[in-house]
């Protein structure tokens, strides 16, 4: 898995749309179809689909 990075402003807005707190998540990958994020403390991985 790639190194996770802090989300940019646009990514934070997108993550907030899923009722998640952007400060608790790191972005692993971001493509046109989806964004994969990982929780900082619990290491939970989520894939958020883009429309």
PDB file of N, CA and C in Angstrom:
ATOM      1  N   UNK A   1       0.844  -1.179   0.000  1.00  0.00           N
ATOM      2  CA  UNK A   1       0.000   0.000   0.000  1.00  0.00           C
ATOM      3  C   UNK A   1       0.892   1.246   0.000  1.00  0.00           C
ATOM      4  N   UNK A   2       0.437   2.273  -0.700  1.00  0.00           N
ATOM      5  CA  UNK A   2       1.201   3.504  -0.778  1.00  0.00           C
ATOM      6  C   UNK A   2       1.181   4.246   0.553  1.00  0.00           C
ATOM      7  N   UNK A   3       2.094   5.170   0.705  1.00  0.00           N
ATOM      8  CA  UNK A   3       2.146   5.996   1.916  1.00  0.00           C
ATOM      9  C   UNK A   3       0.946   6.942   1.934  1.00  0.00           C
ATOM     10  N   UNK A   4       0.233   6.973   3.040  1.00  0.00           N
ATOM     11  CA  UNK A   4      -0.944   7.831   3.182  1.00  0.00           C
ATOM     12  C   UNK A   4      -0.520   9.281   3.402  1.00  0.00           C
ATOM     13  N   UNK A   5      -1.295  10.211   2.832  1.00  0.00           N
ATOM     14  CA  UNK A   5      -1.004  11.644   2.916  1.00  0.00           C
ATOM     15  C   UNK A   5      -2.167  12.387   3.556  1.00  0.00           C
ATOM     16  N   UNK A   6      -1.894  13.563   4.096  1.00  0.00           N
ATOM     17  CA  UNK A   6      -2.952  14.408   4.620  1.00  0.00           C
ATOM     18  C   UNK A   6      -3.836  14.881   3.465  1.00  0.00           C
ATOM     19  N   UNK A   7      -5.143  14.963   3.686  1.00  0.00           N
ATOM     20  CA  UNK A   7      -6.039  15.390   2.603  1.00  0.00           C
ATOM     21  C   UNK A   7      -5.907  16.877   2.286  1.00  0.00           C
ATOM     22  N   UNK A   8      -6.090  17.211   1.008  1.00  0.00           N
ATOM     23  CA  UNK A   8      -6.098  18.607   0.579  1.00  0.00           C
ATOM     24  C   UNK A   8      -7.453  19.221   0.942  1.00  0.00           C
ATOM     25  N   UNK A   9      -7.616  20.499   0.705  1.00  0.00           N
ATOM     26  CA  UNK A   9      -8.871  21.174   1.038  1.00  0.00           C
ATOM     27  C   UNK A   9     -10.055  20.550   0.294  1.00  0.00           C
ATOM     28  N   UNK A  10      -9.890  20.300  -1.010  1.00  0.00           N
ATOM     29  CA  UNK A  10     -10.968  19.700  -1.799  1.00  0.00           C
ATOM     30  C   UNK A  10     -11.274  18.280  -1.316  1.00  0.00           C
ATOM     31  N   UNK A  11     -10.248  17.533  -0.940  1.00  0.00           N
ATOM     32  CA  UNK A  11     -10.461  16.182  -0.432  1.00  0.00           C
ATOM     33  C   UNK A  11     -11.174  16.217   0.918  1.00  0.00           C
ATOM     34  N   UNK A  12     -10.855  17.202   1.758  1.00  0.00           N
ATOM     35  CA  UNK A  12     -11.530  17.349   3.050  1.00  0.00           C
ATOM     36  C   UNK A  12     -13.023  17.618   2.856  1.00  0.00           C
ATOM     37  N   UNK A  13     -13.358  18.454   1.878  1.00  0.00           N
ATOM     38  CA  UNK A  13     -14.760  18.750   1.578  1.00  0.00           C
ATOM     39  C   UNK A  13     -15.472  17.481   1.119  1.00  0.00           C
ATOM     40  N   UNK A  14     -14.811  16.698   0.263  1.00  0.00           N
ATOM     41  CA  UNK A  14     -15.390  15.453  -0.228  1.00  0.00           C
ATOM     42  C   UNK A  14     -15.608  14.457   0.914  1.00  0.00           C
ATOM     43  N   UNK A  15     -14.624  14.310   1.800  1.00  0.00           N
ATOM     44  CA  UNK A  15     -14.732  13.387   2.939  1.00  0.00           C
ATOM     45  C   UNK A  15     -15.847  13.828   3.883  1.00  0.00           C
ATOM     46  N   UNK A  16     -15.994  15.126   4.087  1.00  0.00           N
ATOM     47  CA  UNK A  16     -17.048  15.652   4.952  1.00  0.00           C
ATOM     48  C   UNK A  16     -18.435  15.312   4.412  1.00  0.00           C
ATOM     49  N   UNK A  17     -18.566  15.206   3.106  1.00  0.00           N
ATOM     50  CA  UNK A  17     -19.832  14.856   2.487  1.00  0.00           C
ATOM     51  C   UNK A  17     -20.323  13.472   2.869  1.00  0.00           C
ATOM     52  N   UNK A  18     -19.433  12.624   3.340  1.00  0.00           N
ATOM     53  CA  UNK A  18     -19.792  11.282   3.801  1.00  0.00           C
ATOM     54  C   UNK A  18     -19.959  11.235   5.317  1.00  0.00           C
ATOM     55  N   UNK A  19     -20.088  12.394   5.939  1.00  0.00           N
ATOM     56  CA  UNK A  19     -20.251  12.548   7.396  1.00  0.00           C
ATOM     57  C   UNK A  19     -19.092  11.945   8.172  1.00  0.00           C
ATOM     58  N   UNK A  20     -17.879  12.132   7.650  1.00  0.00           N
ATOM     59  CA  UNK A  20     -16.655  11.703   8.322  1.00  0.00           C
ATOM     60  C   UNK A  20     -15.868  12.948   8.711  1.00  0.00           C
ATOM     61  N   UNK A  21     -15.059  12.838   9.757  1.00  0.00           N
ATOM     62  CA  UNK A  21     -14.228  13.955  10.199  1.00  0.00           C
ATOM     63  C   UNK A  21     -12.896  13.874   9.447  1.00  0.00           C
ATOM     64  N   UNK A  22     -12.621  14.845   8.562  1.00  0.00           N
ATOM     65  CA  UNK A  22     -11.409  14.777   7.732  1.00  0.00           C
ATOM     66  C   UNK A  22     -10.112  14.747   8.536  1.00  0.00           C
ATOM     67  N   UNK A  23     -10.109  15.321   9.730  1.00  0.00           N
ATOM     68  CA  UNK A  23      -8.892  15.352  10.545  1.00  0.00           C
ATOM     69  C   UNK A  23      -8.472  13.952  10.996  1.00  0.00           C
ATOM     70  N   UNK A  24      -9.392  12.991  10.970  1.00  0.00           N
ATOM     71  CA  UNK A  24      -9.089  11.634  11.425  1.00  0.00           C
ATOM     72  C   UNK A  24      -8.680  10.687  10.303  1.00  0.00           C
ATOM     73  N   UNK A  25      -8.662  11.175   9.061  1.00  0.00           N
ATOM     74  CA  UNK A  25      -8.423  10.300   7.921  1.00  0.00           C
ATOM     75  C   UNK A  25      -7.226  10.753   7.097  1.00  0.00           C
ATOM     76  N   UNK A  26      -6.536   9.800   6.479  1.00  0.00           N
ATOM     77  CA  UNK A  26      -5.431  10.054   5.563  1.00  0.00           C
ATOM     78  C   UNK A  26      -5.798   9.454   4.206  1.00  0.00           C
ATOM     79  N   UNK A  27      -5.370  10.100   3.131  1.00  0.00           N
ATOM     80  CA  UNK A  27      -5.694   9.657   1.781  1.00  0.00           C
ATOM     81  C   UNK A  27      -4.597   8.713   1.282  1.00  0.00           C
ATOM     82  N   UNK A  28      -5.021   7.498   0.904  1.00  0.00           N
ATOM     83  CA  UNK A  28      -4.084   6.514   0.366  1.00  0.00           C
ATOM     84  C   UNK A  28      -3.997   6.659  -1.145  1.00  0.00           C
ATOM     85  N   UNK A  29      -5.177   6.743  -1.809  1.00  0.00           N
ATOM     86  CA  UNK A  29      -5.193   6.931  -3.252  1.00  0.00           C
ATOM     87  C   UNK A  29      -6.424   7.735  -3.640  1.00  0.00           C
ATOM     88  N   UNK A  30      -6.287   8.482  -4.729  1.00  0.00           N
ATOM     89  CA  UNK A  30      -7.375   9.325  -5.206  1.00  0.00           C
ATOM     90  C   UNK A  30      -7.392   9.254  -6.730  1.00  0.00           C
ATOM     91  N   UNK A  31      -8.487   8.696  -7.280  1.00  0.00           N
ATOM     92  CA  UNK A  31      -8.634   8.594  -8.726  1.00  0.00           C
ATOM     93  C   UNK A  31      -9.949   9.230  -9.143  1.00  0.00           C
ATOM     94  N   UNK A  32     -10.258   9.160 -10.431  1.00  0.00           N
ATOM     95  CA  UNK A  32     -11.504   9.745 -10.927  1.00  0.00           C
ATOM     96  C   UNK A  32     -12.720   8.990 -10.403  1.00  0.00           C
ATOM     97  N   UNK A  33     -12.596   7.690 -10.173  1.00  0.00           N
ATOM     98  CA  UNK A  33     -13.727   6.866  -9.757  1.00  0.00           C
ATOM     99  C   UNK A  33     -13.910   6.792  -8.251  1.00  0.00           C
ATOM    100  N   UNK A  34     -12.809   6.802  -7.478  1.00  0.00           N
ATOM    101  CA  UNK A  34     -12.918   6.590  -6.043  1.00  0.00           C
ATOM    102  C   UNK A  34     -11.743   7.191  -5.278  1.00  0.00           C
ATOM    103  N   UNK A  35     -11.927   7.282  -3.964  1.00  0.00           N
ATOM    104  CA  UNK A  35     -10.868   7.744  -3.070  1.00  0.00           C
ATOM    105  C   UNK A  35     -10.753   6.712  -1.945  1.00  0.00           C
ATOM    106  N   UNK A  36      -9.552   6.251  -1.684  1.00  0.00           N
ATOM    107  CA  UNK A  36      -9.319   5.305  -0.604  1.00  0.00           C
ATOM    108  C   UNK A  36      -8.675   6.056   0.551  1.00  0.00           C
ATOM    109  N   UNK A  37      -9.302   5.911   1.732  1.00  0.00           N
ATOM    110  CA  UNK A  37      -8.807   6.612   2.914  1.00  0.00           C
ATOM    111  C   UNK A  37      -8.582   5.611   4.041  1.00  0.00           C
ATOM    112  N   UNK A  38      -7.715   5.968   4.972  1.00  0.00           N
ATOM    113  CA  UNK A  38      -7.407   5.112   6.112  1.00  0.00           C
ATOM    114  C   UNK A  38      -7.493   5.948   7.381  1.00  0.00           C
ATOM    115  N   UNK A  39      -8.080   5.376   8.434  1.00  0.00           N
ATOM    116  CA  UNK A  39      -8.235   6.087   9.696  1.00  0.00           C
ATOM    117  C   UNK A  39      -6.891   6.151  10.413  1.00  0.00           C
ATOM    118  N   UNK A  40      -6.585   7.283  11.000  1.00  0.00           N
ATOM    119  CA  UNK A  40      -5.288   7.493  11.644  1.00  0.00           C
ATOM    120  C   UNK A  40      -5.066   6.571  12.837  1.00  0.00           C
ATOM    121  N   UNK A  41      -6.118   6.307  13.622  1.00  0.00           N
ATOM    122  CA  UNK A  41      -5.941   5.586  14.880  1.00  0.00           C
ATOM    123  C   UNK A  41      -6.322   4.115  14.798  1.00  0.00           C
ATOM    124  N   UNK A  42      -7.377   3.795  14.064  1.00  0.00           N
ATOM    125  CA  UNK A  42      -7.859   2.411  14.021  1.00  0.00           C
ATOM    126  C   UNK A  42      -7.407   1.656  12.783  1.00  0.00           C
ATOM    127  N   UNK A  43      -6.799   2.323  11.816  1.00  0.00           N
ATOM    128  CA  UNK A  43      -6.332   1.723  10.560  1.00  0.00           C
ATOM    129  C   UNK A  43      -7.466   1.112   9.731  1.00  0.00           C
ATOM    130  N   UNK A  44      -8.695   1.626   9.915  1.00  0.00           N
ATOM    131  CA  UNK A  44      -9.829   1.206   9.110  1.00  0.00           C
ATOM    132  C   UNK A  44      -9.695   1.804   7.719  1.00  0.00           C
ATOM    133  N   UNK A  45      -9.865   0.982   6.690  1.00  0.00           N
ATOM    134  CA  UNK A  45      -9.763   1.439   5.309  1.00  0.00           C
ATOM    135  C   UNK A  45     -11.158   1.576   4.719  1.00  0.00           C
ATOM    136  N   UNK A  46     -11.444   2.705   4.058  1.00  0.00           N
ATOM    137  CA  UNK A  46     -12.714   2.932   3.382  1.00  0.00           C
ATOM    138  C   UNK A  46     -12.448   3.385   1.961  1.00  0.00           C
ATOM    139  N   UNK A  47     -13.322   2.964   1.063  1.00  0.00           N
ATOM    140  CA  UNK A  47     -13.261   3.418  -0.320  1.00  0.00           C
ATOM    141  C   UNK A  47     -14.529   4.224  -0.587  1.00  0.00           C
ATOM    142  N   UNK A  48     -14.353   5.497  -0.928  1.00  0.00           N
ATOM    143  CA  UNK A  48     -15.473   6.400  -1.188  1.00  0.00           C
ATOM    144  C   UNK A  48     -15.619   6.537  -2.702  1.00  0.00           C
ATOM    145  N   UNK A  49     -16.803   6.209  -3.227  1.00  0.00           N
ATOM    146  CA  UNK A  49     -17.044   6.286  -4.661  1.00  0.00           C
ATOM    147  C   UNK A  49     -17.424   7.697  -5.065  1.00  0.00           C
ATOM    148  N   UNK A  50     -16.874   8.136  -6.183  1.00  0.00           N
ATOM    149  CA  UNK A  50     -17.208   9.449  -6.752  1.00  0.00           C
ATOM    150  C   UNK A  50     -18.235   9.250  -7.854  1.00  0.00           C
ATOM    151  N   UNK A  51     -19.087  10.241  -8.046  1.00  0.00           N
ATOM    152  CA  UNK A  51     -20.099  10.144  -9.096  1.00  0.00           C
ATOM    153  C   UNK A  51     -19.672  10.852 -10.348  1.00  0.00           C
TER     154      UNK A  51
END
